[in-house]
């Protein structure tokens, strides 16, 4: 059908069918497709191994080799000793996906870890 519209199954945006993209059987707008495709897995043993080997082989310690944004988050956690994800959202004005990817990278480098206390999860240095 010409000019047929579909709703993005992630955000609900109405888009022309021919502009929709499919991921895991869902019709998505381009923004949601890119966001979902760019997700970094937090608990990924191979990513941890690769990051550790790379950092070791390159002689990188602590925040060396991180992007400016990664360094800023690492230093923020180091200064506060433990923070909630919500504190990072506010302090750095990142989307949940951006923050999740950034923290996953720091976890892969074994610089930051999650620590649960009761119902609350805190991010601390490794």
PDB file of N, CA and C in Angstrom:
ATOM      1  N   UNK A   1       0.847  -1.176   0.000  1.00  0.00           N
ATOM      2  CA  UNK A   1       0.000   0.000   0.000  1.00  0.00           C
ATOM      3  C   UNK A   1       0.899   1.248   0.000  1.00  0.00           C
ATOM      4  N   UNK A   2       0.592   2.220  -0.851  1.00  0.00           N
ATOM      5  CA  UNK A   2       1.362   3.449  -0.961  1.00  0.00           C
ATOM      6  C   UNK A   2       1.115   4.313   0.271  1.00  0.00           C
ATOM      7  N   UNK A   3       2.188   4.919   0.794  1.00  0.00           N
ATOM      8  CA  UNK A   3       2.120   5.810   1.957  1.00  0.00           C
ATOM      9  C   UNK A   3       1.621   5.112   3.221  1.00  0.00           C
ATOM     10  N   UNK A   4       1.774   3.797   3.296  1.00  0.00           N
ATOM     11  CA  UNK A   4       1.361   3.074   4.497  1.00  0.00           C
ATOM     12  C   UNK A   4       2.307   3.429   5.645  1.00  0.00           C
ATOM     13  N   UNK A   5       1.740   3.653   6.821  1.00  0.00           N
ATOM     14  CA  UNK A   5       2.529   4.024   7.997  1.00  0.00           C
ATOM     15  C   UNK A   5       2.538   2.869   8.989  1.00  0.00           C
ATOM     16  N   UNK A   6       3.631   2.789   9.739  1.00  0.00           N
ATOM     17  CA  UNK A   6       3.753   1.829  10.838  1.00  0.00           C
ATOM     18  C   UNK A   6       4.269   2.584  12.058  1.00  0.00           C
ATOM     19  N   UNK A   7       4.026   2.009  13.216  1.00  0.00           N
ATOM     20  CA  UNK A   7       4.553   2.597  14.445  1.00  0.00           C
ATOM     21  C   UNK A   7       5.831   1.866  14.838  1.00  0.00           C
ATOM     22  N   UNK A   8       6.836   2.643  15.231  1.00  0.00           N
ATOM     23  CA  UNK A   8       8.052   2.044  15.771  1.00  0.00           C
ATOM     24  C   UNK A   8       7.647   1.284  17.033  1.00  0.00           C
ATOM     25  N   UNK A   9       8.044   0.018  17.105  1.00  0.00           N
ATOM     26  CA  UNK A   9       7.657  -0.810  18.246  1.00  0.00           C
ATOM     27  C   UNK A   9       8.484  -0.518  19.489  1.00  0.00           C
ATOM     28  N   UNK A  10       9.407   0.421  19.380  1.00  0.00           N
ATOM     29  CA  UNK A  10      10.203   0.809  20.546  1.00  0.00           C
ATOM     30  C   UNK A  10       9.737   2.136  21.119  1.00  0.00           C
ATOM     31  N   UNK A  11       9.620   3.160  20.271  1.00  0.00           N
ATOM     32  CA  UNK A  11       9.281   4.504  20.766  1.00  0.00           C
ATOM     33  C   UNK A  11       7.873   4.962  20.398  1.00  0.00           C
ATOM     34  N   UNK A  12       7.216   4.248  19.456  1.00  0.00           N
ATOM     35  CA  UNK A  12       5.855   4.601  19.074  1.00  0.00           C
ATOM     36  C   UNK A  12       5.742   5.634  17.971  1.00  0.00           C
ATOM     37  N   UNK A  13       6.861   6.110  17.444  1.00  0.00           N
ATOM     38  CA  UNK A  13       6.838   7.089  16.360  1.00  0.00           C
ATOM     39  C   UNK A  13       6.213   6.473  15.121  1.00  0.00           C
ATOM     40  N   UNK A  14       5.340   7.226  14.474  1.00  0.00           N
ATOM     41  CA  UNK A  14       4.711   6.755  13.240  1.00  0.00           C
ATOM     42  C   UNK A  14       5.616   7.134  12.069  1.00  0.00           C
ATOM     43  N   UNK A  15       5.968   6.137  11.258  1.00  0.00           N
ATOM     44  CA  UNK A  15       6.895   6.345  10.136  1.00  0.00           C
ATOM     45  C   UNK A  15       6.366   5.622   8.901  1.00  0.00           C
ATOM     46  N   UNK A  16       6.782   6.080   7.704  1.00  0.00           N
ATOM     47  CA  UNK A  16       6.398   5.348   6.484  1.00  0.00           C
ATOM     48  C   UNK A  16       6.982   3.928   6.532  1.00  0.00           C
ATOM     49  N   UNK A  17       6.194   2.949   6.115  1.00  0.00           N
ATOM     50  CA  UNK A  17       6.639   1.550   6.179  1.00  0.00           C
ATOM     51  C   UNK A  17       7.990   1.358   5.486  1.00  0.00           C
ATOM     52  N   UNK A  18       8.163   2.014   4.336  1.00  0.00           N
ATOM     53  CA  UNK A  18       9.412   1.810   3.588  1.00  0.00           C
ATOM     54  C   UNK A  18      10.632   2.382   4.307  1.00  0.00           C
ATOM     55  N   UNK A  19      10.434   3.215   5.331  1.00  0.00           N
ATOM     56  CA  UNK A  19      11.547   3.764   6.106  1.00  0.00           C
ATOM     57  C   UNK A  19      11.804   2.983   7.389  1.00  0.00           C
ATOM     58  N   UNK A  20      10.947   2.014   7.691  1.00  0.00           N
ATOM     59  CA  UNK A  20      11.126   1.240   8.922  1.00  0.00           C
ATOM     60  C   UNK A  20      12.234   0.213   8.725  1.00  0.00           C
ATOM     61  N   UNK A  21      12.885  -0.128   9.804  1.00  0.00           N
ATOM     62  CA  UNK A  21      13.942  -1.134   9.807  1.00  0.00           C
ATOM     63  C   UNK A  21      13.505  -2.248  10.747  1.00  0.00           C
ATOM     64  N   UNK A  22      13.944  -3.458  10.498  1.00  0.00           N
ATOM     65  CA  UNK A  22      13.531  -4.593  11.316  1.00  0.00           C
ATOM     66  C   UNK A  22      14.713  -5.126  12.110  1.00  0.00           C
ATOM     67  N   UNK A  23      14.465  -5.331  13.388  1.00  0.00           N
ATOM     68  CA  UNK A  23      15.464  -5.944  14.276  1.00  0.00           C
ATOM     69  C   UNK A  23      14.708  -6.854  15.233  1.00  0.00           C
ATOM     70  N   UNK A  24      15.126  -8.102  15.311  1.00  0.00           N
ATOM     71  CA  UNK A  24      14.469  -9.090  16.162  1.00  0.00           C
ATOM     72  C   UNK A  24      12.972  -9.161  15.890  1.00  0.00           C
ATOM     73  N   UNK A  25      12.598  -9.016  14.622  1.00  0.00           N
ATOM     74  CA  UNK A  25      11.206  -9.122  14.226  1.00  0.00           C
ATOM     75  C   UNK A  25      10.350  -7.913  14.530  1.00  0.00           C
ATOM     76  N   UNK A  26      10.958  -6.814  14.977  1.00  0.00           N
ATOM     77  CA  UNK A  26      10.212  -5.599  15.309  1.00  0.00           C
ATOM     78  C   UNK A  26      10.481  -4.512  14.288  1.00  0.00           C
ATOM     79  N   UNK A  27       9.433  -3.779  13.931  1.00  0.00           N
ATOM     80  CA  UNK A  27       9.578  -2.619  13.053  1.00  0.00           C
ATOM     81  C   UNK A  27      10.053  -1.450  13.909  1.00  0.00           C
ATOM     82  N   UNK A  28      11.149  -0.828  13.492  1.00  0.00           N
ATOM     83  CA  UNK A  28      11.754   0.256  14.271  1.00  0.00           C
ATOM     84  C   UNK A  28      12.040   1.462  13.397  1.00  0.00           C
ATOM     85  N   UNK A  29      12.014   2.648  14.017  1.00  0.00           N
ATOM     86  CA  UNK A  29      12.485   3.845  13.327  1.00  0.00           C
ATOM     87  C   UNK A  29      14.016   3.777  13.295  1.00  0.00           C
ATOM     88  N   UNK A  30      14.614   4.606  12.491  1.00  0.00           N
ATOM     89  CA  UNK A  30      16.070   4.569  12.341  1.00  0.00           C
ATOM     90  C   UNK A  30      16.788   4.849  13.655  1.00  0.00           C
ATOM     91  N   UNK A  31      16.329   5.837  14.431  1.00  0.00           N
ATOM     92  CA  UNK A  31      16.979   6.173  15.701  1.00  0.00           C
ATOM     93  C   UNK A  31      16.968   4.996  16.667  1.00  0.00           C
ATOM     94  N   UNK A  32      15.834   4.344  16.806  1.00  0.00           N
ATOM     95  CA  UNK A  32      15.745   3.197  17.722  1.00  0.00           C
ATOM     96  C   UNK A  32      16.588   2.032  17.218  1.00  0.00           C
ATOM     97  N   UNK A  33      16.610   1.831  15.907  1.00  0.00           N
ATOM     98  CA  UNK A  33      17.418   0.754  15.336  1.00  0.00           C
ATOM     99  C   UNK A  33      18.898   0.963  15.667  1.00  0.00           C
ATOM    100  N   UNK A  34      19.374   2.186  15.480  1.00  0.00           N
ATOM    101  CA  UNK A  34      20.781   2.494  15.765  1.00  0.00           C
ATOM    102  C   UNK A  34      21.063   2.331  17.254  1.00  0.00           C
ATOM    103  N   UNK A  35      20.175   2.836  18.090  1.00  0.00           N
ATOM    104  CA  UNK A  35      20.364   2.741  19.536  1.00  0.00           C
ATOM    105  C   UNK A  35      20.425   1.290  19.986  1.00  0.00           C
ATOM    106  N   UNK A  36      19.473   0.479  19.532  1.00  0.00           N
ATOM    107  CA  UNK A  36      19.446  -0.921  19.947  1.00  0.00           C
ATOM    108  C   UNK A  36      20.598  -1.724  19.355  1.00  0.00           C
ATOM    109  N   UNK A  37      21.059  -1.360  18.183  1.00  0.00           N
ATOM    110  CA  UNK A  37      22.171  -2.065  17.552  1.00  0.00           C
ATOM    111  C   UNK A  37      23.502  -1.699  18.188  1.00  0.00           C
ATOM    112  N   UNK A  38      23.567  -0.524  18.820  1.00  0.00           N
ATOM    113  CA  UNK A  38      24.817  -0.063  19.408  1.00  0.00           C
ATOM    114  C   UNK A  38      24.996  -0.423  20.863  1.00  0.00           C
ATOM    115  N   UNK A  39      24.127  -1.261  21.400  1.00  0.00           N
ATOM    116  CA  UNK A  39      24.183  -1.621  22.813  1.00  0.00           C
ATOM    117  C   UNK A  39      25.418  -2.469  23.092  1.00  0.00           C
ATOM    118  N   UNK A  40      26.153  -2.095  24.126  1.00  0.00           N
ATOM    119  CA  UNK A  40      27.330  -2.838  24.557  1.00  0.00           C
ATOM    120  C   UNK A  40      26.893  -3.766  25.684  1.00  0.00           C
ATOM    121  N   UNK A  41      27.228  -5.044  25.588  1.00  0.00           N
ATOM    122  CA  UNK A  41      26.877  -6.001  26.625  1.00  0.00           C
ATOM    123  C   UNK A  41      27.741  -5.765  27.865  1.00  0.00           C
ATOM    124  N   UNK A  42      27.111  -5.590  29.015  1.00  0.00           N
ATOM    125  CA  UNK A  42      27.845  -5.332  30.253  1.00  0.00           C
ATOM    126  C   UNK A  42      28.624  -6.559  30.698  1.00  0.00           C
ATOM    127  N   UNK A  43      27.984  -7.684  30.766  1.00  0.00           N
ATOM    128  CA  UNK A  43      28.630  -8.918  31.228  1.00  0.00           C
ATOM    129  C   UNK A  43      29.051  -9.739  30.019  1.00  0.00           C
ATOM    130  N   UNK A  44      30.231  -9.469  29.524  1.00  0.00           N
ATOM    131  CA  UNK A  44      30.733 -10.137  28.330  1.00  0.00           C
ATOM    132  C   UNK A  44      32.163 -10.592  28.606  1.00  0.00           C
ATOM    133  N   UNK A  45      32.355 -11.853  28.990  1.00  0.00           N
ATOM    134  CA  UNK A  45      33.694 -12.339  29.351  1.00  0.00           C
ATOM    135  C   UNK A  45      34.740 -12.139  28.261  1.00  0.00           C
ATOM    136  N   UNK A  46      34.337 -12.267  26.990  1.00  0.00           N
ATOM    137  CA  UNK A  46      35.307 -12.074  25.906  1.00  0.00           C
ATOM    138  C   UNK A  46      35.717 -10.618  25.790  1.00  0.00           C
ATOM    139  N   UNK A  47      34.790  -9.713  25.997  1.00  0.00           N
ATOM    140  CA  UNK A  47      35.120  -8.291  25.953  1.00  0.00           C
ATOM    141  C   UNK A  47      36.047  -7.928  27.111  1.00  0.00           C
ATOM    142  N   UNK A  48      35.820  -8.513  28.279  1.00  0.00           N
ATOM    143  CA  UNK A  48      36.693  -8.269  29.440  1.00  0.00           C
ATOM    144  C   UNK A  48      38.094  -8.777  29.133  1.00  0.00           C
ATOM    145  N   UNK A  49      38.169  -9.988  28.615  1.00  0.00           N
ATOM    146  CA  UNK A  49      39.485 -10.562  28.303  1.00  0.00           C
ATOM    147  C   UNK A  49      40.232  -9.716  27.272  1.00  0.00           C
ATOM    148  N   UNK A  50      39.515  -9.315  26.215  1.00  0.00           N
ATOM    149  CA  UNK A  50      40.143  -8.511  25.162  1.00  0.00           C
ATOM    150  C   UNK A  50      40.604  -7.156  25.708  1.00  0.00           C
ATOM    151  N   UNK A  51      39.760  -6.513  26.501  1.00  0.00           N
ATOM    152  CA  UNK A  51      40.121  -5.198  27.061  1.00  0.00           C
ATOM    153  C   UNK A  51      41.311  -5.321  28.002  1.00  0.00           C
ATOM    154  N   UNK A  52      41.305  -6.345  28.849  1.00  0.00           N
ATOM    155  CA  UNK A  52      42.420  -6.544  29.789  1.00  0.00           C
ATOM    156  C   UNK A  52      43.734  -6.798  29.039  1.00  0.00           C
ATOM    157  N   UNK A  53      43.672  -7.668  28.033  1.00  0.00           N
ATOM    158  CA  UNK A  53      44.881  -7.980  27.257  1.00  0.00           C
ATOM    159  C   UNK A  53      45.398  -6.742  26.528  1.00  0.00           C
ATOM    160  N   UNK A  54      44.485  -5.995  25.919  1.00  0.00           N
ATOM    161  CA  UNK A  54      44.882  -4.786  25.207  1.00  0.00           C
ATOM    162  C   UNK A  54      45.524  -3.790  26.155  1.00  0.00           C
ATOM    163  N   UNK A  55      44.887  -3.547  27.308  1.00  0.00           N
ATOM    164  CA  UNK A  55      45.416  -2.577  28.267  1.00  0.00           C
ATOM    165  C   UNK A  55      46.762  -3.043  28.811  1.00  0.00           C
ATOM    166  N   UNK A  56      46.891  -4.335  29.077  1.00  0.00           N
ATOM    167  CA  UNK A  56      48.157  -4.884  29.585  1.00  0.00           C
ATOM    168  C   UNK A  56      49.259  -4.732  28.538  1.00  0.00           C
ATOM    169  N   UNK A  57      48.958  -5.159  27.311  1.00  0.00           N
ATOM    170  CA  UNK A  57      49.949  -5.086  26.229  1.00  0.00           C
ATOM    171  C   UNK A  57      50.349  -3.646  25.915  1.00  0.00           C
ATOM    172  N   UNK A  58      49.425  -2.708  26.127  1.00  0.00           N
ATOM    173  CA  UNK A  58      49.694  -1.298  25.844  1.00  0.00           C
ATOM    174  C   UNK A  58      50.283  -0.566  27.045  1.00  0.00           C
ATOM    175  N   UNK A  59      50.372  -1.243  28.185  1.00  0.00           N
ATOM    176  CA  UNK A  59      50.916  -0.621  29.388  1.00  0.00           C
ATOM    177  C   UNK A  59      49.997   0.431  29.991  1.00  0.00           C
ATOM    178  N   UNK A  60      48.698   0.304  29.767  1.00  0.00           N
ATOM    179  CA  UNK A  60      47.741   1.294  30.274  1.00  0.00           C
ATOM    180  C   UNK A  60      47.313   0.953  31.694  1.00  0.00           C
ATOM    181  N   UNK A  61      47.295   1.970  32.543  1.00  0.00           N
ATOM    182  CA  UNK A  61      46.843   1.798  33.921  1.00  0.00           C
ATOM    183  C   UNK A  61      45.793   2.837  34.245  1.00  0.00           C
ATOM    184  N   UNK A  62      44.923   2.484  35.180  1.00  0.00           N
ATOM    185  CA  UNK A  62      43.820   3.349  35.609  1.00  0.00           C
ATOM    186  C   UNK A  62      43.127   3.984  34.409  1.00  0.00           C
ATOM    187  N   UNK A  63      43.044   5.321  34.353  1.00  0.00           N
ATOM    188  CA  UNK A  63      42.259   6.016  33.328  1.00  0.00           C
ATOM    189  C   UNK A  63      43.021   6.229  32.016  1.00  0.00           C
ATOM    190  N   UNK A  64      44.242   5.754  31.935  1.00  0.00           N
ATOM    191  CA  UNK A  64      45.005   5.927  30.693  1.00  0.00           C
ATOM    192  C   UNK A  64      44.297   5.200  29.546  1.00  0.00           C
ATOM    193  N   UNK A  65      44.239   5.843  28.392  1.00  0.00           N
ATOM    194  CA  UNK A  65      43.653   5.247  27.206  1.00  0.00           C
ATOM    195  C   UNK A  65      42.146   5.392  27.096  1.00  0.00           C
ATOM    196  N   UNK A  66      41.512   6.012  28.085  1.00  0.00           N
ATOM    197  CA  UNK A  66      40.062   6.214  28.030  1.00  0.00           C
ATOM    198  C   UNK A  66      39.741   7.494  27.270  1.00  0.00           C
ATOM    199  N   UNK A  67      38.513   7.573  26.763  1.00  0.00           N
ATOM    200  CA  UNK A  67      38.063   8.826  26.144  1.00  0.00           C
ATOM    201  C   UNK A  67      37.884   9.863  27.253  1.00  0.00           C
ATOM    202  N   UNK A  68      37.752  11.120  26.874  1.00  0.00           N
ATOM    203  CA  UNK A  68      37.561  12.180  27.875  1.00  0.00           C
ATOM    204  C   UNK A  68      36.310  11.926  28.706  1.00  0.00           C
ATOM    205  N   UNK A  69      35.236  11.492  28.061  1.00  0.00           N
ATOM    206  CA  UNK A  69      33.991  11.236  28.782  1.00  0.00           C
ATOM    207  C   UNK A  69      34.150  10.041  29.731  1.00  0.00           C
ATOM    208  N   UNK A  70      34.809   8.991  29.277  1.00  0.00           N
ATOM    209  CA  UNK A  70      35.060   7.832  30.143  1.00  0.00           C
ATOM    210  C   UNK A  70      35.922   8.230  31.332  1.00  0.00           C
ATOM    211  N   UNK A  71      36.960   9.047  31.090  1.00  0.00           N
ATOM    212  CA  UNK A  71      37.818   9.526  32.189  1.00  0.00           C
ATOM    213  C   UNK A  71      37.015  10.335  33.192  1.00  0.00           C
ATOM    214  N   UNK A  72      36.148  11.192  32.684  1.00  0.00           N
ATOM    215  CA  UNK A  72      35.352  12.037  33.576  1.00  0.00           C
ATOM    216  C   UNK A  72      34.457  11.185  34.472  1.00  0.00           C
ATOM    217  N   UNK A  73      33.818  10.170  33.907  1.00  0.00           N
ATOM    218  CA  UNK A  73      32.959   9.284  34.702  1.00  0.00           C
ATOM    219  C   UNK A  73      33.809   8.496  35.695  1.00  0.00           C
ATOM    220  N   UNK A  74      34.928   7.967  35.234  1.00  0.00           N
ATOM    221  CA  UNK A  74      35.837   7.215  36.117  1.00  0.00           C
ATOM    222  C   UNK A  74      36.286   8.101  37.280  1.00  0.00           C
ATOM    223  N   UNK A  75      36.717   9.320  36.987  1.00  0.00           N
ATOM    224  CA  UNK A  75      37.173  10.240  38.043  1.00  0.00           C
ATOM    225  C   UNK A  75      36.042  10.607  39.000  1.00  0.00           C
ATOM    226  N   UNK A  76      34.831  10.773  38.478  1.00  0.00           N
ATOM    227  CA  UNK A  76      33.661  11.080  39.304  1.00  0.00           C
ATOM    228  C   UNK A  76      33.411   9.948  40.301  1.00  0.00           C
ATOM    229  N   UNK A  77      33.453   8.709  39.808  1.00  0.00           N
ATOM    230  CA  UNK A  77      33.248   7.550  40.680  1.00  0.00           C
ATOM    231  C   UNK A  77      34.394   7.444  41.685  1.00  0.00           C
ATOM    232  N   UNK A  78      35.609   7.695  41.225  1.00  0.00           N
ATOM    233  CA  UNK A  78      36.780   7.625  42.105  1.00  0.00           C
ATOM    234  C   UNK A  78      36.667   8.653  43.234  1.00  0.00           C
ATOM    235  N   UNK A  79      36.240   9.853  42.899  1.00  0.00           N
ATOM    236  CA  UNK A  79      36.105  10.920  43.894  1.00  0.00           C
ATOM    237  C   UNK A  79      35.013  10.602  44.915  1.00  0.00           C
ATOM    238  N   UNK A  80      33.868  10.124  44.439  1.00  0.00           N
ATOM    239  CA  UNK A  80      32.718   9.860  45.325  1.00  0.00           C
ATOM    240  C   UNK A  80      32.811   8.497  46.010  1.00  0.00           C
ATOM    241  N   UNK A  81      33.646   7.608  45.500  1.00  0.00           N
ATOM    242  CA  UNK A  81      33.857   6.238  45.968  1.00  0.00           C
ATOM    243  C   UNK A  81      32.741   5.273  45.580  1.00  0.00           C
ATOM    244  N   UNK A  82      31.517   5.747  45.517  1.00  0.00           N
ATOM    245  CA  UNK A  82      30.410   4.937  45.013  1.00  0.00           C
ATOM    246  C   UNK A  82      29.300   5.877  44.580  1.00  0.00           C
ATOM    247  N   UNK A  83      28.686   5.534  43.461  1.00  0.00           N
ATOM    248  CA  UNK A  83      27.605   6.369  42.926  1.00  0.00           C
ATOM    249  C   UNK A  83      26.506   5.474  42.372  1.00  0.00           C
ATOM    250  N   UNK A  84      25.322   6.019  42.275  1.00  0.00           N
ATOM    251  CA  UNK A  84      24.223   5.306  41.638  1.00  0.00           C
ATOM    252  C   UNK A  84      24.197   5.682  40.159  1.00  0.00           C
ATOM    253  N   UNK A  85      23.628   4.847  39.337  1.00  0.00           N
ATOM    254  CA  UNK A  85      23.472   5.223  37.929  1.00  0.00           C
ATOM    255  C   UNK A  85      22.704   6.539  37.784  1.00  0.00           C
ATOM    256  N   UNK A  86      21.731   6.763  38.659  1.00  0.00           N
ATOM    257  CA  UNK A  86      20.948   7.996  38.611  1.00  0.00           C
ATOM    258  C   UNK A  86      21.834   9.228  38.817  1.00  0.00           C
ATOM    259  N   UNK A  87      22.818   9.129  39.718  1.00  0.00           N
ATOM    260  CA  UNK A  87      23.737  10.244  39.934  1.00  0.00           C
ATOM    261  C   UNK A  87      24.540  10.545  38.667  1.00  0.00           C
ATOM    262  N   UNK A  88      24.920   9.498  37.953  1.00  0.00           N
ATOM    263  CA  UNK A  88      25.667   9.693  36.707  1.00  0.00           C
ATOM    264  C   UNK A  88      24.783  10.309  35.629  1.00  0.00           C
ATOM    265  N   UNK A  89      23.506   9.901  35.555  1.00  0.00           N
ATOM    266  CA  UNK A  89      22.572  10.494  34.582  1.00  0.00           C
ATOM    267  C   UNK A  89      22.526  12.006  34.789  1.00  0.00           C
ATOM    268  N   UNK A  90      22.377  12.411  36.051  1.00  0.00           N
ATOM    269  CA  UNK A  90      22.248  13.833  36.378  1.00  0.00           C
ATOM    270  C   UNK A  90      23.562  14.573  36.118  1.00  0.00           C
ATOM    271  N   UNK A  91      24.653  14.024  36.602  1.00  0.00           N
ATOM    272  CA  UNK A  91      25.954  14.703  36.512  1.00  0.00           C
ATOM    273  C   UNK A  91      26.440  14.846  35.067  1.00  0.00           C
ATOM    274  N   UNK A  92      26.178  13.858  34.226  1.00  0.00           N
ATOM    275  CA  UNK A  92      26.735  13.863  32.872  1.00  0.00           C
ATOM    276  C   UNK A  92      25.700  14.050  31.773  1.00  0.00           C
ATOM    277  N   UNK A  93      24.435  14.116  32.126  1.00  0.00           N
ATOM    278  CA  UNK A  93      23.350  14.335  31.179  1.00  0.00           C
ATOM    279  C   UNK A  93      23.441  13.388  29.979  1.00  0.00           C
ATOM    280  N   UNK A  94      23.586  12.108  30.290  1.00  0.00           N
ATOM    281  CA  UNK A  94      23.660  11.081  29.266  1.00  0.00           C
ATOM    282  C   UNK A  94      22.325  10.351  29.192  1.00  0.00           C
ATOM    283  N   UNK A  95      22.020   9.824  28.028  1.00  0.00           N
ATOM    284  CA  UNK A  95      20.831   8.988  27.918  1.00  0.00           C
ATOM    285  C   UNK A  95      21.129   7.676  28.641  1.00  0.00           C
ATOM    286  N   UNK A  96      20.101   6.954  29.047  1.00  0.00           N
ATOM    287  CA  UNK A  96      20.352   5.660  29.691  1.00  0.00           C
ATOM    288  C   UNK A  96      21.214   4.736  28.835  1.00  0.00           C
ATOM    289  N   UNK A  97      20.991   4.742  27.503  1.00  0.00           N
ATOM    290  CA  UNK A  97      21.779   3.884  26.618  1.00  0.00           C
ATOM    291  C   UNK A  97      23.239   4.323  26.565  1.00  0.00           C
ATOM    292  N   UNK A  98      23.484   5.631  26.475  1.00  0.00           N
ATOM    293  CA  UNK A  98      24.859   6.134  26.449  1.00  0.00           C
ATOM    294  C   UNK A  98      25.589   5.763  27.741  1.00  0.00           C
ATOM    295  N   UNK A  99      24.897   5.938  28.863  1.00  0.00           N
ATOM    296  CA  UNK A  99      25.511   5.618  30.153  1.00  0.00           C
ATOM    297  C   UNK A  99      25.775   4.119  30.270  1.00  0.00           C
ATOM    298  N   UNK A 100      24.821   3.317  29.837  1.00  0.00           N
ATOM    299  CA  UNK A 100      24.992   1.863  29.894  1.00  0.00           C
ATOM    300  C   UNK A 100      26.208   1.426  29.068  1.00  0.00           C
ATOM    301  N   UNK A 101      26.365   1.976  27.876  1.00  0.00           N
ATOM    302  CA  UNK A 101      27.511   1.640  27.031  1.00  0.00           C
ATOM    303  C   UNK A 101      28.823   2.096  27.656  1.00  0.00           C
ATOM    304  N   UNK A 102      28.822   3.298  28.216  1.00  0.00           N
ATOM    305  CA  UNK A 102      30.029   3.844  28.823  1.00  0.00           C
ATOM    306  C   UNK A 102      30.451   3.009  30.035  1.00  0.00           C
ATOM    307  N   UNK A 103      29.505   2.683  30.902  1.00  0.00           N
ATOM    308  CA  UNK A 103      29.808   1.884  32.094  1.00  0.00           C
ATOM    309  C   UNK A 103      30.244   0.479  31.691  1.00  0.00           C
ATOM    310  N   UNK A 104      29.618  -0.091  30.666  1.00  0.00           N
ATOM    311  CA  UNK A 104      30.016  -1.424  30.205  1.00  0.00           C
ATOM    312  C   UNK A 104      31.475  -1.424  29.766  1.00  0.00           C
ATOM    313  N   UNK A 105      31.891  -0.384  29.079  1.00  0.00           N
ATOM    314  CA  UNK A 105      33.294  -0.292  28.652  1.00  0.00           C
ATOM    315  C   UNK A 105      34.221  -0.216  29.852  1.00  0.00           C
ATOM    316  N   UNK A 106      33.866   0.581  30.853  1.00  0.00           N
ATOM    317  CA  UNK A 106      34.691   0.686  32.065  1.00  0.00           C
ATOM    318  C   UNK A 106      34.721  -0.645  32.818  1.00  0.00           C
ATOM    319  N   UNK A 107      33.619  -1.373  32.775  1.00  0.00           N
ATOM    320  CA  UNK A 107      33.587  -2.698  33.418  1.00  0.00           C
ATOM    321  C   UNK A 107      34.463  -3.679  32.654  1.00  0.00           C
ATOM    322  N   UNK A 108      34.436  -3.618  31.334  1.00  0.00           N
ATOM    323  CA  UNK A 108      35.277  -4.513  30.538  1.00  0.00           C
ATOM    324  C   UNK A 108      36.755  -4.292  30.848  1.00  0.00           C
ATOM    325  N   UNK A 109      37.113  -3.051  31.125  1.00  0.00           N
ATOM    326  CA  UNK A 109      38.506  -2.715  31.469  1.00  0.00           C
ATOM    327  C   UNK A 109      38.816  -3.024  32.933  1.00  0.00           C
ATOM    328  N   UNK A 110      37.832  -3.537  33.647  1.00  0.00           N
ATOM    329  CA  UNK A 110      37.927  -3.817  35.076  1.00  0.00           C
ATOM    330  C   UNK A 110      38.373  -2.593  35.864  1.00  0.00           C
ATOM    331  N   UNK A 111      37.752  -1.456  35.515  1.00  0.00           N
ATOM    332  CA  UNK A 111      37.991  -0.215  36.237  1.00  0.00           C
ATOM    333  C   UNK A 111      36.822   0.104  37.172  1.00  0.00           C
ATOM    334  N   UNK A 112      35.621  -0.324  36.795  1.00  0.00           N
ATOM    335  CA  UNK A 112      34.403  -0.040  37.546  1.00  0.00           C
ATOM    336  C   UNK A 112      33.613  -1.334  37.678  1.00  0.00           C
ATOM    337  N   UNK A 113      32.945  -1.483  38.808  1.00  0.00           N
ATOM    338  CA  UNK A 113      32.084  -2.646  39.002  1.00  0.00           C
ATOM    339  C   UNK A 113      30.803  -2.220  39.694  1.00  0.00           C
ATOM    340  N   UNK A 114      29.790  -3.054  39.575  1.00  0.00           N
ATOM    341  CA  UNK A 114      28.531  -2.818  40.268  1.00  0.00           C
ATOM    342  C   UNK A 114      28.552  -3.516  41.609  1.00  0.00           C
ATOM    343  N   UNK A 115      27.948  -2.879  42.603  1.00  0.00           N
ATOM    344  CA  UNK A 115      27.892  -3.453  43.944  1.00  0.00           C
ATOM    345  C   UNK A 115      26.482  -3.212  44.484  1.00  0.00           C
ATOM    346  N   UNK A 116      25.787  -4.276  44.806  1.00  0.00           N
ATOM    347  CA  UNK A 116      24.404  -4.157  45.266  1.00  0.00           C
ATOM    348  C   UNK A 116      24.369  -4.094  46.793  1.00  0.00           C
ATOM    349  N   UNK A 117      23.637  -3.100  47.291  1.00  0.00           N
ATOM    350  CA  UNK A 117      23.393  -2.972  48.724  1.00  0.00           C
ATOM    351  C   UNK A 117      21.892  -2.849  48.904  1.00  0.00           C
ATOM    352  N   UNK A 118      21.282  -3.894  49.425  1.00  0.00           N
ATOM    353  CA  UNK A 118      19.824  -3.917  49.513  1.00  0.00           C
ATOM    354  C   UNK A 118      19.256  -3.934  48.108  1.00  0.00           C
ATOM    355  N   UNK A 119      18.365  -2.994  47.828  1.00  0.00           N
ATOM    356  CA  UNK A 119      17.762  -2.900  46.493  1.00  0.00           C
ATOM    357  C   UNK A 119      18.525  -1.954  45.577  1.00  0.00           C
ATOM    358  N   UNK A 120      19.501  -1.242  46.102  1.00  0.00           N
ATOM    359  CA  UNK A 120      20.235  -0.225  45.336  1.00  0.00           C
ATOM    360  C   UNK A 120      21.543  -0.773  44.763  1.00  0.00           C
ATOM    361  N   UNK A 121      21.818  -0.456  43.507  1.00  0.00           N
ATOM    362  CA  UNK A 121      23.083  -0.821  42.886  1.00  0.00           C
ATOM    363  C   UNK A 121      23.970   0.417  42.862  1.00  0.00           C
ATOM    364  N   UNK A 122      25.211   0.268  43.281  1.00  0.00           N
ATOM    365  CA  UNK A 122      26.192   1.341  43.257  1.00  0.00           C
ATOM    366  C   UNK A 122      27.316   0.955  42.312  1.00  0.00           C
ATOM    367  N   UNK A 123      27.918   1.942  41.693  1.00  0.00           N
ATOM    368  CA  UNK A 123      29.109   1.741  40.885  1.00  0.00           C
ATOM    369  C   UNK A 123      30.293   2.185  41.724  1.00  0.00           C
ATOM    370  N   UNK A 124      31.292   1.318  41.800  1.00  0.00           N
ATOM    371  CA  UNK A 124      32.506   1.600  42.563  1.00  0.00           C
ATOM    372  C   UNK A 124      33.708   1.248  41.702  1.00  0.00           C
ATOM    373  N   UNK A 125      34.879   1.623  42.165  1.00  0.00           N
ATOM    374  CA  UNK A 125      36.086   1.218  41.447  1.00  0.00           C
ATOM    375  C   UNK A 125      36.331  -0.257  41.670  1.00  0.00           C
ATOM    376  N   UNK A 126      36.950  -0.873  40.694  1.00  0.00           N
ATOM    377  CA  UNK A 126      37.249  -2.311  40.752  1.00  0.00           C
ATOM    378  C   UNK A 126      38.261  -2.589  41.820  1.00  0.00           C
TER     379      UNK A 126
END
